Protein backbone atom coordinates (compact mmCIF):
# COMPACT_ATOMS: atom_id res chain seq x y z
CA MET A 1 221.70 -9.17 243.69
CA TRP A 2 224.39 -6.98 243.35
CA LEU A 3 224.31 -7.56 239.61
CA LYS A 4 221.02 -6.45 239.21
CA VAL A 5 221.04 -3.51 241.52
CA SER A 6 224.48 -2.21 239.89
CA THR A 7 222.94 -2.72 236.59
CA ALA A 8 219.75 -0.92 237.23
CA ALA A 9 221.62 1.85 238.90
CA LEU A 10 223.62 1.78 235.36
CA ILE A 11 220.48 2.29 233.35
CA PHE A 12 219.12 5.08 235.64
CA PHE A 13 222.03 6.40 235.27
CA SER A 14 222.28 6.44 231.66
CA ILE A 15 218.67 7.77 231.32
CA ILE A 16 219.35 10.95 233.42
CA MET A 17 222.75 11.60 231.64
CA LEU A 18 220.90 11.37 228.36
CA PHE A 19 218.52 13.83 229.58
CA ALA A 20 221.09 16.06 231.44
CA TYR A 21 223.40 16.74 228.54
CA PHE A 22 222.68 20.14 227.93
CA TRP A 23 222.91 21.14 231.46
CA ILE A 24 226.05 19.69 232.00
CA VAL A 25 227.80 20.17 228.59
CA GLY A 26 226.29 23.73 228.04
CA PRO A 27 225.59 25.53 224.93
CA LYS A 28 228.16 25.26 221.86
CA PRO A 29 230.27 28.60 221.96
CA PRO A 30 229.79 30.78 219.08
CA SER A 31 231.92 30.33 216.03
CA HIS A 32 233.74 33.61 216.77
CA ALA A 33 234.65 32.62 220.23
CA PRO A 34 238.37 32.21 221.27
CA ARG A 35 239.98 28.41 220.09
CA ALA A 36 240.07 27.53 223.62
CA GLU A 37 237.08 27.93 224.49
CA GLN A 38 235.89 25.65 221.46
CA ILE A 39 238.22 23.43 222.13
CA ALA A 40 237.13 23.16 226.19
CA PHE A 41 233.62 22.42 224.93
CA LEU A 42 234.62 19.61 222.37
CA ARG A 43 236.37 17.80 225.21
CA LYS A 44 233.58 18.38 227.93
CA GLY A 45 231.39 16.80 225.23
CA ALA A 46 233.58 14.06 224.22
CA SER A 47 234.32 12.97 227.89
CA TYR A 48 230.58 13.33 228.40
CA ILE A 49 229.60 11.15 225.34
CA GLY A 50 232.37 8.39 226.33
CA LEU A 51 230.82 8.22 229.96
CA GLU A 52 227.66 7.55 228.52
CA ALA A 53 229.08 5.03 226.61
CA LEU A 54 230.47 3.21 229.38
CA ALA A 55 227.48 3.45 231.63
CA LEU A 56 225.26 2.38 228.23
CA ILE A 57 227.90 -0.44 227.94
CA GLY A 58 228.07 -1.26 231.59
CA SER A 59 224.39 -1.92 231.61
CA ILE A 60 224.15 -3.39 228.53
CA VAL A 61 226.57 -6.44 229.92
CA GLY A 62 224.86 -6.40 233.35
CA SER A 63 221.52 -7.29 231.32
CA TYR A 64 223.30 -9.47 229.43
CA LEU A 65 224.58 -11.37 232.58
CA ILE A 66 221.37 -11.22 234.21
CA ALA A 67 219.50 -12.75 231.04
CA ARG A 68 222.10 -15.66 231.08
CA ARG A 69 222.15 -16.44 234.62
CA ALA A 70 218.26 -16.69 234.57
CA ARG A 71 218.46 -19.03 231.52
CA GLU A 72 220.69 -21.20 233.66
CA GLU A 73 218.50 -21.29 236.60
CA PHE A 74 215.49 -21.88 234.19
CA ARG A 75 217.29 -24.81 232.44
CA GLU A 76 218.44 -26.41 235.56
CA GLN A 77 215.02 -26.33 237.31
CA SER A 78 213.60 -27.78 233.80
CA ARG A 79 215.79 -30.77 234.05
CA LYS A 80 214.83 -31.35 237.88
CA ASN A 81 211.41 -31.04 236.94
CA MET A 82 211.95 -33.79 233.97
CA GLU A 83 214.04 -36.24 236.25
CA SER A 84 211.35 -35.72 238.93
CA LEU A 85 208.24 -36.66 236.06
CA LEU A 86 210.27 -39.87 234.91
CA GLU A 87 210.97 -40.95 238.58
CA ALA A 88 207.29 -40.84 239.52
CA THR A 89 206.51 -42.38 236.29
CA LEU A 90 208.85 -45.21 236.52
CA ARG A 91 207.66 -45.48 240.35
CA ASP A 92 203.82 -45.74 238.63
CA HIS A 93 204.69 -47.83 235.94
CA ALA A 94 206.49 -50.41 238.40
CA ARG A 95 203.18 -50.40 240.63
CA THR A 96 200.76 -50.84 237.99
CA SER A 97 202.96 -53.78 236.84
CA GLY A 98 203.32 -55.45 239.86
CA GLN A 99 199.28 -55.22 240.30
CA ASP A 100 199.25 -56.47 236.77
CA VAL A 101 201.24 -59.51 237.73
CA GLU A 102 199.11 -60.35 240.67
CA ALA A 103 195.82 -60.13 238.33
CA ASP A 104 197.08 -62.88 236.67
């Protein structure tokens, strides 16, 4: 359950971050701005993009793990259903074979 919640939170966080870029990072400084101001803008942008990339990678990994777990559960349930079908078929066959012997 925690995996689904954390993956959903990361996806939500990533979407919010995509739309909030200009509010968080701010406008690009003009080309005649001091070099320190331009470097500060680049650092803020790079750290923002890095955080966004980590959030997206985390949501991708979480989604993959959720899908893998669901596939394993489906495979296990399918195996149980097949065993149940085979056992019921064998019981029915044994019951039918027993009646055929009595009919002879």
